[in-house]
Amino acid sequence: MGYFLIGLLVITLSMVNIIEEANCEISPTILSKIERMNRMGPYLGIVAPNNFELNPLLASKAFVPYPSLPIIDFAGRRFRFGKISNQRVVIVMTGLGMVNAGVATQLLVSLFRLKGVLHYGIAGNADVNLQIGDVTIPQFWAHSGLWNWQRYGDGIDNELALEAAGDYTREIGHLQFSKYSNRTDNLLNRIWYQPEEIFPVTGTPEVRQHVFWIPVDKSYFNLARQLENTKLPQCVNTTCLPRPPKVTIVERGMSASVFVDNAAYRTFLNSKFNVTAVEMESAAVALICHQQKLPFVVIRALSDLAGGGSDLSNEANLFGSLAAQNSVDVLVKFIGLIPHGAKFASS
């Protein structure tokens, strides 16, 4: 009877923990683990978009999992603890798109003691002068999916809906759909790109600020310049790229929960905004870190020319794995450049 009661107590406590987590509460067991790991911090937070980019890092000899508590699972996310280049790290995978990336990054920075965030992965390429496999480190990131879709019949001189109230602006620029139509007119009219509303930790709660281009941390960005001569793999089995991939510092990257496989839109983003990397998560990571005043940098390897048109056919399918590995290799090298104990000031 005593064993039954003990077993029943264990089951009851386990159910309580499950119910608490299901209600987005932190159970005492999980909270104890978080507190334990935070006593060992601060960490570099590493954010990967999905398993395709996460698995090469976990398989890397550079990553050494923490032996007694390698993972903490909470709110549908798995946080992995270990060391890379003798730096303490906590790794989380976001999943696809801006919402997933924002949720995962906010959990990471809210739960754990961090000294910075490093985001890496693959991206589409909007710059025909670069090549698949090249690794880009943009200085600025923006969310390109927040629009004010202007009503048909209004022109560029017409005020947008709610513009007078400060909700929307025409300062950033627009995309005119009729320029991409075989007809003389297009009922879709145009979209105006909008800045994000943000609420920084140093600001007044519920008093919004606006930002479009988010700068990465200046100290991280300067460190990244040391990676420009990094040698990277050129071949997948017996199929090789025309030249060895390179690490390149670029001005801008853009994210939205849209997979861009359209050459016209790629060309527009590059000519209008001087964008190189286009993908689906980095701007969300940037927005969270910017609001939390936490240093961050983004490393994105180019897996394809967005919309096609290069001499390389089936680019993403063929060279996606090489691009993912290149992003991991550059990430590891970057971590090796960070001085131990260094705490950078967020830009």
Protein backbone atom coordinates (compact mmCIF):
# COMPACT_ATOMS: atom_id res chain seq x y z
CA MET A 1 0.00 0.00 0.00
CA GLY A 2 2.90 2.34 0.81
CA TYR A 3 4.47 1.79 -2.62
CA PHE A 4 1.11 2.48 -4.25
CA LEU A 5 0.76 5.80 -2.39
CA ILE A 6 4.31 6.80 -3.29
CA GLY A 7 3.66 5.93 -6.92
CA LEU A 8 0.39 7.84 -6.89
CA LEU A 9 2.16 10.87 -5.42
CA VAL A 10 4.82 10.76 -8.15
CA ILE A 11 2.15 10.51 -10.86
CA THR A 12 0.17 13.37 -9.30
CA LEU A 13 3.23 15.64 -9.11
CA SER A 14 4.11 14.78 -12.71
CA MET A 15 0.56 15.63 -13.82
CA VAL A 16 0.77 18.94 -11.99
CA ASN A 17 4.00 19.76 -13.85
CA ILE A 18 2.41 18.83 -17.18
CA ILE A 19 -0.69 20.92 -16.49
CA GLU A 20 1.41 23.90 -15.39
CA GLU A 21 3.48 23.78 -18.54
CA ALA A 22 0.38 23.28 -20.68
CA ASN A 23 -0.91 26.52 -19.16
CA CYS A 24 2.41 28.21 -20.02
CA GLU A 25 3.45 28.21 -16.36
CA ILE A 26 6.95 27.18 -15.37
CA SER A 27 6.76 24.07 -13.23
CA PRO A 28 8.93 23.89 -10.10
CA THR A 29 11.05 21.17 -11.73
CA ILE A 30 11.74 23.20 -14.86
CA LEU A 31 12.27 26.39 -12.87
CA SER A 32 14.85 24.63 -10.72
CA LYS A 33 16.73 23.48 -13.83
CA ILE A 34 16.63 26.99 -15.33
CA GLU A 35 17.94 28.53 -12.11
CA ARG A 36 20.67 25.92 -11.93
CA MET A 37 21.86 26.63 -15.48
CA ASN A 38 21.63 30.39 -15.02
CA ARG A 39 24.03 30.18 -12.10
CA MET A 40 26.58 28.94 -14.65
CA GLY A 41 25.88 31.78 -17.10
CA PRO A 42 25.96 34.09 -18.85
CA TYR A 43 25.67 32.23 -22.17
CA LEU A 44 25.85 32.98 -25.84
CA GLY A 45 22.37 32.29 -27.14
CA ILE A 46 22.48 30.47 -30.49
CA VAL A 47 19.34 30.50 -32.62
CA ALA A 48 18.89 28.06 -35.52
CA PRO A 49 15.90 28.18 -37.90
CA ASN A 50 15.25 24.44 -38.27
CA ASN A 51 16.74 20.94 -38.05
CA PHE A 52 18.40 21.28 -41.44
CA GLU A 53 20.67 23.95 -39.97
CA LEU A 54 20.65 22.75 -36.35
CA ASN A 55 21.83 19.18 -36.93
CA PRO A 56 25.20 20.09 -38.51
CA LEU A 57 25.99 22.19 -35.42
CA LEU A 58 25.00 19.42 -33.01
CA ALA A 59 27.08 16.94 -35.01
CA SER A 60 30.08 19.26 -35.05
CA LYS A 61 33.06 18.33 -32.92
CA ALA A 62 33.12 21.95 -31.83
CA PHE A 63 29.91 21.53 -29.79
CA VAL A 64 30.39 19.81 -26.44
CA PRO A 65 27.07 19.20 -24.63
CA TYR A 66 26.89 19.89 -20.91
CA PRO A 67 27.13 16.38 -19.41
CA SER A 68 24.74 16.45 -16.45
CA LEU A 69 21.99 18.65 -17.90
CA PRO A 70 22.30 18.89 -21.68
CA ILE A 71 18.70 19.96 -22.38
CA ILE A 72 15.72 21.75 -20.87
CA ASP A 73 12.36 21.35 -22.63
CA PHE A 74 9.81 24.10 -22.13
CA ALA A 75 6.82 25.51 -24.03
CA GLY A 76 7.43 23.25 -27.01
CA ARG A 77 11.09 24.31 -27.31
CA ARG A 78 14.25 22.42 -26.50
CA PHE A 79 17.14 24.42 -25.05
CA ARG A 80 20.50 22.68 -25.42
CA PHE A 81 23.46 23.56 -23.20
CA GLY A 82 27.14 23.08 -23.84
CA LYS A 83 30.31 24.77 -24.98
CA ILE A 84 31.75 25.90 -28.31
CA SER A 85 35.35 27.14 -28.34
CA ASN A 86 35.15 27.06 -24.55
CA GLN A 87 32.26 29.55 -24.59
CA ARG A 88 29.10 28.54 -22.75
CA VAL A 89 26.19 28.35 -25.18
CA VAL A 90 22.47 27.63 -25.08
CA ILE A 91 20.96 26.60 -28.42
CA VAL A 92 17.34 26.77 -29.53
CA MET A 93 15.60 25.94 -32.82
CA THR A 94 12.86 28.35 -33.88
CA GLY A 95 10.90 26.65 -36.62
CA LEU A 96 9.73 28.28 -39.84
CA GLY A 97 8.78 31.95 -40.10
CA MET A 98 8.72 35.20 -38.19
CA VAL A 99 6.26 34.24 -35.46
CA ASN A 100 8.15 31.07 -34.52
CA ALA A 101 11.45 32.94 -34.56
CA GLY A 102 10.11 35.73 -32.37
CA VAL A 103 8.55 33.35 -29.83
CA ALA A 104 11.65 31.16 -29.55
CA THR A 105 14.01 34.12 -29.23
CA GLN A 106 11.85 35.84 -26.61
CA LEU A 107 11.75 32.63 -24.55
CA LEU A 108 15.51 32.31 -24.86
CA VAL A 109 16.27 35.85 -23.68
CA SER A 110 13.60 35.81 -20.96
CA LEU A 111 14.51 32.46 -19.40
CA PHE A 112 18.30 32.49 -19.51
CA ARG A 113 21.21 34.76 -18.66
CA LEU A 114 22.70 35.78 -21.98
CA LYS A 115 25.54 38.00 -23.05
CA GLY A 116 24.60 37.95 -26.73
CA VAL A 117 22.63 36.18 -29.44
CA LEU A 118 24.04 34.58 -32.58
CA HIS A 119 21.63 33.60 -35.33
CA TYR A 120 22.72 31.50 -38.30
CA GLY A 121 21.33 29.47 -41.20
CA ILE A 122 20.76 29.59 -44.95
CA ALA A 123 19.07 32.24 -47.08
CA GLY A 124 17.99 33.06 -50.58
CA ASN A 125 20.28 35.37 -52.50
CA ALA A 126 19.08 38.64 -54.04
CA ASP A 127 22.49 39.77 -55.32
CA VAL A 128 23.55 38.24 -58.65
CA ASN A 129 27.16 39.21 -57.92
CA LEU A 130 27.37 36.65 -55.13
CA GLN A 131 27.34 32.87 -55.36
CA ILE A 132 25.63 29.93 -53.73
CA GLY A 133 27.64 28.87 -50.68
CA ASP A 134 28.84 32.40 -49.90
CA VAL A 135 28.23 33.37 -46.28
CA THR A 136 26.78 36.83 -45.72
CA ILE A 137 26.89 38.91 -42.54
CA PRO A 138 24.52 41.88 -43.00
CA GLN A 139 24.87 45.06 -40.97
CA PHE A 140 21.13 45.76 -40.95
CA TRP A 141 17.95 43.68 -40.96
CA ALA A 142 14.36 44.58 -41.71
CA HIS A 143 10.98 42.88 -41.79
CA SER A 144 9.69 43.21 -45.35
CA GLY A 145 6.27 41.72 -44.68
CA LEU A 146 4.54 44.54 -42.80
CA TRP A 147 2.56 46.49 -45.41
CA ASN A 148 -0.14 49.06 -45.86
CA TRP A 149 -1.95 47.83 -48.98
CA GLN A 150 -3.23 50.96 -50.68
CA ARG A 151 -6.74 50.99 -52.11
CA TYR A 152 -7.20 50.87 -55.84
CA GLY A 153 -7.37 54.33 -57.44
CA ASP A 154 -5.18 56.11 -54.89
CA GLY A 155 -1.77 57.34 -55.98
CA ILE A 156 1.57 57.92 -54.33
CA ASP A 157 0.52 61.41 -53.24
CA ASN A 158 -2.62 60.16 -51.49
CA GLU A 159 -2.45 59.73 -47.74
CA LEU A 160 -2.65 56.12 -46.55
CA ALA A 161 -5.42 54.89 -44.29
CA LEU A 162 -4.54 55.77 -40.67
CA GLU A 163 -1.38 57.56 -41.78
CA ALA A 164 -2.47 60.79 -40.07
CA ALA A 165 -2.74 58.94 -36.75
CA GLY A 166 0.90 57.84 -37.00
CA ASP A 167 0.08 54.19 -37.61
CA TYR A 168 1.48 54.10 -41.15
CA THR A 169 3.98 55.96 -43.28
CA ARG A 170 5.08 56.49 -46.90
CA GLU A 171 8.68 57.25 -45.95
CA ILE A 172 10.21 53.79 -46.57
CA GLY A 173 8.93 53.03 -50.05
CA HIS A 174 6.42 51.03 -52.04
CA LEU A 175 6.00 48.24 -54.57
CA GLN A 176 3.82 49.14 -57.58
CA PHE A 177 2.15 45.97 -58.86
CA SER A 178 1.17 47.44 -62.22
CA LYS A 179 4.86 47.59 -63.13
CA TYR A 180 4.84 43.80 -63.12
CA SER A 181 1.65 43.31 -65.16
CA ASN A 182 1.24 42.50 -68.83
CA ARG A 183 -1.78 44.77 -68.80
CA THR A 184 -1.90 48.53 -68.46
CA ASP A 185 -3.56 48.41 -65.04
CA ASN A 186 -3.60 46.23 -61.95
CA LEU A 187 -6.32 46.15 -59.31
CA LEU A 188 -3.74 45.24 -56.65
CA ASN A 189 -2.40 48.83 -56.87
CA ARG A 190 0.62 49.07 -54.51
CA ILE A 191 1.95 48.18 -51.07
CA TRP A 192 3.87 50.52 -48.78
CA TYR A 193 6.54 48.98 -46.55
CA GLN A 194 6.05 49.79 -42.87
CA PRO A 195 8.31 49.94 -39.82
CA GLU A 196 7.65 47.70 -36.83
CA GLU A 197 6.11 48.97 -33.64
CA ILE A 198 8.50 48.14 -30.80
CA PHE A 199 8.47 48.51 -27.03
CA PRO A 200 12.08 48.52 -25.79
CA VAL A 201 12.89 47.48 -22.22
CA THR A 202 14.40 50.93 -21.70
CA GLY A 203 11.26 52.69 -22.92
CA THR A 204 7.92 53.43 -21.33
CA PRO A 205 5.53 50.43 -21.33
CA GLU A 206 2.79 50.70 -23.96
CA VAL A 207 4.45 53.73 -25.55
CA ARG A 208 5.44 52.57 -29.00
CA GLN A 209 8.50 53.37 -31.01
CA HIS A 210 9.11 52.53 -34.67
CA VAL A 211 12.04 50.88 -36.42
CA PHE A 212 12.60 49.50 -39.91
CA TRP A 213 16.33 48.84 -40.31
CA ILE A 214 17.77 47.16 -37.21
CA PRO A 215 21.56 47.30 -36.82
CA VAL A 216 23.50 44.32 -35.55
CA ASP A 217 25.89 44.87 -32.65
CA LYS A 218 28.85 47.04 -33.72
CA SER A 219 31.42 44.99 -31.80
CA TYR A 220 30.12 41.72 -33.23
CA PHE A 221 30.05 43.26 -36.70
CA ASN A 222 33.66 44.41 -36.42
CA LEU A 223 34.70 40.94 -35.23
CA ALA A 224 32.95 39.43 -38.24
CA ARG A 225 35.24 41.34 -40.59
CA GLN A 226 38.05 39.03 -39.47
CA LEU A 227 36.21 36.12 -41.12
CA GLU A 228 36.36 37.44 -44.68
CA ASN A 229 39.31 35.21 -45.65
CA THR A 230 37.78 32.04 -44.22
CA LYS A 231 38.22 29.00 -46.48
CA LEU A 232 34.97 27.14 -47.05
CA PRO A 233 34.05 23.86 -48.82
CA GLN A 234 33.32 24.17 -52.55
CA CYS A 235 31.94 20.75 -53.51
CA VAL A 236 29.08 18.41 -52.75
CA ASN A 237 30.46 14.96 -53.54
CA THR A 238 31.85 15.44 -57.07
CA THR A 239 29.76 18.50 -57.96
CA CYS A 240 31.61 21.74 -57.31
CA LEU A 241 30.80 25.42 -57.36
CA PRO A 242 32.59 27.63 -59.94
CA ARG A 243 34.74 29.16 -57.19
CA PRO A 244 35.33 28.59 -53.47
CA PRO A 245 32.62 30.24 -51.35
CA LYS A 246 33.59 33.31 -49.36
CA VAL A 247 32.47 35.19 -46.27
CA THR A 248 31.26 38.63 -47.23
CA ILE A 249 30.12 41.60 -45.20
CA VAL A 250 26.98 43.09 -46.75
CA GLU A 251 24.79 46.04 -45.92
CA ARG A 252 21.30 44.58 -45.62
CA GLY A 253 19.15 41.49 -45.23
CA MET A 254 15.37 41.15 -45.19
CA SER A 255 12.94 38.66 -43.67
CA ALA A 256 9.24 37.90 -44.02
CA SER A 257 7.06 34.82 -43.59
CA VAL A 258 7.21 34.40 -47.36
CA PHE A 259 9.43 32.03 -49.35
CA VAL A 260 10.79 34.19 -52.16
CA ASP A 261 11.21 32.15 -55.33
CA ASN A 262 10.50 34.97 -57.74
CA ALA A 263 13.17 36.72 -59.77
CA ALA A 264 11.21 39.94 -60.24
CA TYR A 265 10.65 40.42 -56.52
CA ARG A 266 14.26 39.46 -55.80
CA THR A 267 15.45 42.12 -58.23
CA PHE A 268 13.10 44.69 -56.71
CA LEU A 269 14.35 44.04 -53.16
CA ASN A 270 17.96 44.31 -54.25
CA SER A 271 17.53 47.46 -56.34
CA LYS A 272 15.15 49.21 -53.93
CA PHE A 273 16.76 48.32 -50.60
CA ASN A 274 20.25 46.96 -51.50
CA VAL A 275 19.30 43.63 -49.92
CA THR A 276 21.45 40.51 -50.24
CA ALA A 277 20.05 37.78 -47.97
CA VAL A 278 16.29 37.13 -48.08
CA GLU A 279 14.74 34.62 -45.71
CA MET A 280 12.07 34.10 -43.05
CA GLU A 281 13.42 34.50 -39.50
CA SER A 282 16.38 36.84 -38.95
CA ALA A 283 14.44 40.09 -38.66
CA ALA A 284 12.32 38.57 -35.88
CA VAL A 285 15.46 37.61 -33.96
CA ALA A 286 16.82 41.10 -34.59
CA LEU A 287 13.62 42.79 -33.39
CA ILE A 288 13.58 40.84 -30.12
CA CYS A 289 17.26 41.48 -29.39
CA HIS A 290 16.92 45.16 -30.32
CA GLN A 291 14.02 45.63 -27.91
CA GLN A 292 15.76 43.67 -25.16
CA LYS A 293 19.00 45.65 -25.68
CA LEU A 294 20.95 42.45 -26.25
CA PRO A 295 23.90 42.27 -28.67
CA PHE A 296 23.28 40.08 -31.73
CA VAL A 297 24.63 39.20 -35.15
CA VAL A 298 23.26 37.13 -38.03
CA ILE A 299 25.23 34.72 -40.23
CA ARG A 300 23.39 33.50 -43.34
CA ALA A 301 24.84 31.30 -46.10
CA LEU A 302 23.31 31.65 -49.57
CA SER A 303 21.63 28.44 -50.73
CA ASP A 304 20.10 29.63 -54.02
CA LEU A 305 19.51 32.64 -56.23
CA ALA A 306 15.96 33.55 -55.23
CA GLY A 307 13.73 32.95 -58.24
CA GLY A 308 16.44 31.15 -60.20
CA GLY A 309 18.33 32.39 -63.19
CA SER A 310 21.87 31.36 -62.31
CA ASP A 311 24.00 28.89 -64.24
CA LEU A 312 23.48 26.38 -61.42
CA SER A 313 20.31 24.32 -61.76
CA ASN A 314 18.43 22.91 -58.75
CA GLU A 315 20.55 25.15 -56.56
CA ALA A 316 18.86 24.73 -53.19
CA ASN A 317 18.39 20.98 -53.57
CA LEU A 318 21.97 20.44 -54.66
CA PHE A 319 23.93 22.91 -52.55
CA GLY A 320 21.60 23.51 -49.59
CA SER A 321 23.53 21.10 -47.38
CA LEU A 322 26.83 22.79 -48.27
CA ALA A 323 25.35 26.21 -47.48
CA ALA A 324 24.07 24.95 -44.12
CA GLN A 325 27.47 23.52 -43.24
CA ASN A 326 29.18 26.74 -44.31
CA SER A 327 26.94 28.73 -41.98
CA VAL A 328 27.86 26.40 -39.11
CA ASP A 329 31.57 26.60 -39.89
CA VAL A 330 31.50 30.40 -39.91
CA LEU A 331 29.43 30.49 -36.72
CA VAL A 332 31.98 28.32 -34.92
CA LYS A 333 34.85 30.48 -36.16
CA PHE A 334 33.02 33.60 -35.05
CA ILE A 335 32.50 32.22 -31.54
CA GLY A 336 36.21 31.54 -31.40
CA LEU A 337 36.87 35.24 -31.99
CA ILE A 338 34.75 36.43 -29.04
CA PRO A 339 36.94 37.22 -26.02
CA HIS A 340 36.04 35.15 -22.97
CA GLY A 341 34.04 37.13 -20.47
CA ALA A 342 33.41 39.89 -23.01
CA LYS A 343 30.13 41.75 -22.63
CA PHE A 344 29.30 43.87 -25.63
CA ALA A 345 26.99 46.85 -25.50
CA SER A 346 23.95 46.53 -27.72
CA SER A 347 23.88 48.95 -30.64
